[in-house]
Amino acid sequence: MKTSELIPLTPQDWCRNPKGYVIHQRFLKLFVEYLEERGVVSVLPPDRKSWDRGVDLHIEGIGNIDSKGFALIEGPKSFTWESSFWTGRKRPLYTESLTDFFVHPHGDSVDDWIIAPASSLTTSYFGGAPFYWKDRCETIKQVIDRLINNV
């Protein structure tokens, strides 16, 4: 069975934000289908029935991915989380987290989605949502092309 076929698309009983969960899962499924089309191996973590320690997916050759169901606001030098929930909050990096990279939908194609190292997520200096400096981010296409071509 393909990894994309194992992704639940309905709210789980432990989830406190069912609408957000379904949106997140749809984006995750699109992302995994994209990987499968390119022959990239990905694995879902074991279901923990609660916080997943920041791992929605493990991609062989890349690491642990925390996919986000919200886009980014592009500025001249940064990408800011487009999430009212995170406005004014510190970056969600915890000692128990296993996240290596965050992935955000961005643009019309999964090729254009943004991937950024978790370590590059920065708390806003002015009370906004967390952000990344653009020079720390890449598109999914850039990362997957490099992985496929062993560059």
Protein backbone atom coordinates (compact mmCIF):
# COMPACT_ATOMS: atom_id res chain seq x y z
CA MET A 1 0.00 0.00 0.00
CA LYS A 2 1.28 3.48 -0.87
CA THR A 3 2.04 5.93 1.91
CA SER A 4 -0.47 8.40 0.43
CA GLU A 5 -3.24 5.80 0.89
CA LEU A 6 -2.50 5.60 4.64
CA ILE A 7 -3.13 9.30 5.35
CA PRO A 8 -6.43 9.82 7.21
CA LEU A 9 -8.55 12.60 5.71
CA THR A 10 -11.25 12.70 8.36
CA PRO A 11 -10.98 14.27 11.83
CA GLN A 12 -9.55 12.01 14.53
CA ASP A 13 -11.18 11.77 17.95
CA TRP A 14 -8.12 13.25 19.70
CA CYS A 15 -7.95 16.31 17.42
CA ARG A 16 -9.00 19.67 18.94
CA ASN A 17 -9.15 21.45 15.56
CA PRO A 18 -10.99 19.11 13.17
CA LYS A 19 -11.30 21.65 10.33
CA GLY A 20 -7.60 22.54 10.48
CA TYR A 21 -6.67 18.86 10.72
CA VAL A 22 -8.55 18.00 7.52
CA ILE A 23 -6.90 20.91 5.65
CA HIS A 24 -3.49 19.81 6.93
CA GLN A 25 -4.08 16.19 5.91
CA ARG A 26 -5.16 17.17 2.40
CA PHE A 27 -1.94 19.13 1.91
CA LEU A 28 0.06 16.25 3.36
CA LYS A 29 -1.59 13.82 0.93
CA LEU A 30 -0.85 16.08 -2.05
CA PHE A 31 2.77 16.31 -0.93
CA VAL A 32 3.15 12.55 -0.49
CA GLU A 33 1.54 11.85 -3.87
CA TYR A 34 4.06 14.28 -5.39
CA LEU A 35 6.91 12.36 -3.76
CA GLU A 36 5.51 9.01 -4.90
CA GLU A 37 5.27 10.24 -8.51
CA ARG A 38 9.01 10.98 -8.35
CA GLY A 39 9.98 7.72 -6.67
CA VAL A 40 10.95 9.37 -3.39
CA VAL A 41 10.45 7.09 -0.38
CA SER A 42 8.44 8.53 2.50
CA VAL A 43 7.04 6.95 5.66
CA LEU A 44 4.38 8.11 8.10
CA PRO A 45 5.33 8.06 11.78
CA PRO A 46 3.49 5.71 14.13
CA ASP A 47 0.11 7.12 15.19
CA ARG A 48 0.51 8.58 18.67
CA LYS A 49 -3.14 9.65 19.13
CA SER A 50 -1.81 13.05 20.21
CA TRP A 51 1.13 15.34 19.47
CA ASP A 52 3.35 13.76 16.82
CA ARG A 53 6.54 15.44 18.12
CA GLY A 54 6.64 17.52 14.95
CA VAL A 55 6.84 14.62 12.51
CA ASP A 56 4.15 14.23 9.88
CA LEU A 57 6.39 12.38 7.46
CA HIS A 58 9.90 11.00 7.16
CA ILE A 59 11.50 11.39 3.73
CA GLU A 60 14.41 9.09 3.05
CA GLY A 61 17.52 11.17 2.38
CA ILE A 62 16.00 14.37 3.78
CA GLY A 63 14.65 13.78 7.29
CA ASN A 64 11.59 14.45 9.42
CA ILE A 65 9.01 16.80 7.94
CA ASP A 66 6.38 18.85 9.74
CA SER A 67 3.96 19.85 7.01
CA LYS A 68 1.83 22.91 7.55
CA GLY A 69 -1.66 23.50 6.23
CA PHE A 70 -1.11 27.24 5.89
CA ALA A 71 0.86 29.27 3.39
CA LEU A 72 3.54 31.88 3.85
CA ILE A 73 3.44 35.63 3.38
CA GLU A 74 6.32 36.56 1.14
CA GLY A 75 8.28 39.67 1.98
CA PRO A 76 11.39 41.11 0.37
CA LYS A 77 13.74 39.04 2.58
CA SER A 78 11.49 36.68 4.51
CA PHE A 79 8.59 34.25 4.52
CA THR A 80 6.18 34.72 7.46
CA TRP A 81 3.72 32.09 8.64
CA GLU A 82 0.26 33.03 7.40
CA SER A 83 -1.51 31.88 10.54
CA SER A 84 -3.49 34.04 12.93
CA PHE A 85 -3.03 31.32 15.56
CA TRP A 86 0.74 31.91 15.56
CA THR A 87 0.63 35.72 15.52
CA GLY A 88 2.47 37.01 18.57
CA ARG A 89 3.65 33.55 19.64
CA LYS A 90 7.19 32.23 19.92
CA ARG A 91 8.46 29.88 17.24
CA PRO A 92 7.22 26.35 17.98
CA LEU A 93 10.53 24.58 18.43
CA TYR A 94 10.56 22.37 21.49
CA THR A 95 13.21 20.13 23.00
CA GLU A 96 10.96 17.09 22.40
CA SER A 97 10.41 17.98 18.75
CA LEU A 98 11.98 15.79 16.07
CA THR A 99 11.28 18.19 13.17
CA ASP A 100 14.10 18.66 10.67
CA PHE A 101 12.15 20.70 8.10
CA PHE A 102 8.86 22.57 7.77
CA VAL A 103 6.95 22.42 4.47
CA HIS A 104 4.33 25.01 3.48
CA PRO A 105 1.96 25.15 0.51
CA HIS A 106 3.00 28.09 -1.67
CA GLY A 107 1.85 28.77 -5.20
CA ASP A 108 -0.17 26.62 -7.56
CA SER A 109 2.12 23.61 -7.70
CA VAL A 110 3.78 21.38 -5.11
CA ASP A 111 7.00 22.20 -7.01
CA ASP A 112 6.71 25.74 -5.63
CA TRP A 113 5.98 24.82 -2.02
CA ILE A 114 8.53 26.08 0.46
CA ILE A 115 10.76 23.88 2.61
CA ALA A 116 12.86 25.37 5.41
CA PRO A 117 15.07 23.89 8.11
CA ALA A 118 13.30 23.91 11.47
CA SER A 119 16.40 25.52 12.96
CA SER A 120 15.87 28.57 10.73
CA LEU A 121 12.39 29.37 12.08
CA THR A 122 12.60 32.70 13.91
CA THR A 123 10.27 34.35 16.41
CA SER A 124 8.96 37.68 15.09
CA TYR A 125 10.72 40.75 16.40
CA PHE A 126 7.54 42.83 16.14
CA GLY A 127 4.73 40.59 17.46
CA GLY A 128 3.89 38.90 14.18
CA ALA A 129 3.95 35.20 13.38
CA PRO A 130 7.23 33.25 13.16
CA PHE A 131 9.22 33.61 9.96
CA TYR A 132 12.15 32.32 7.91
CA TRP A 133 14.80 34.33 6.13
CA LYS A 134 14.40 33.62 2.41
CA ASP A 135 18.03 32.62 2.01
CA ARG A 136 17.36 29.63 4.28
CA CYS A 137 14.41 28.38 2.23
CA GLU A 138 14.11 26.37 -0.95
CA THR A 139 11.31 25.11 -3.13
CA ILE A 140 10.29 21.48 -2.93
CA LYS A 141 11.40 21.07 -6.55
CA GLN A 142 14.93 22.24 -5.73
CA VAL A 143 15.26 19.82 -2.82
CA ILE A 144 13.70 16.83 -4.57
CA ASP A 145 15.68 17.40 -7.78
CA ARG A 146 18.88 17.46 -5.73
CA LEU A 147 17.84 14.27 -3.90
CA ILE A 148 16.92 12.44 -7.09
CA ASN A 149 20.09 13.52 -8.88
CA ASN A 150 22.29 12.82 -5.82
CA VAL A 151 23.72 16.33 -5.93
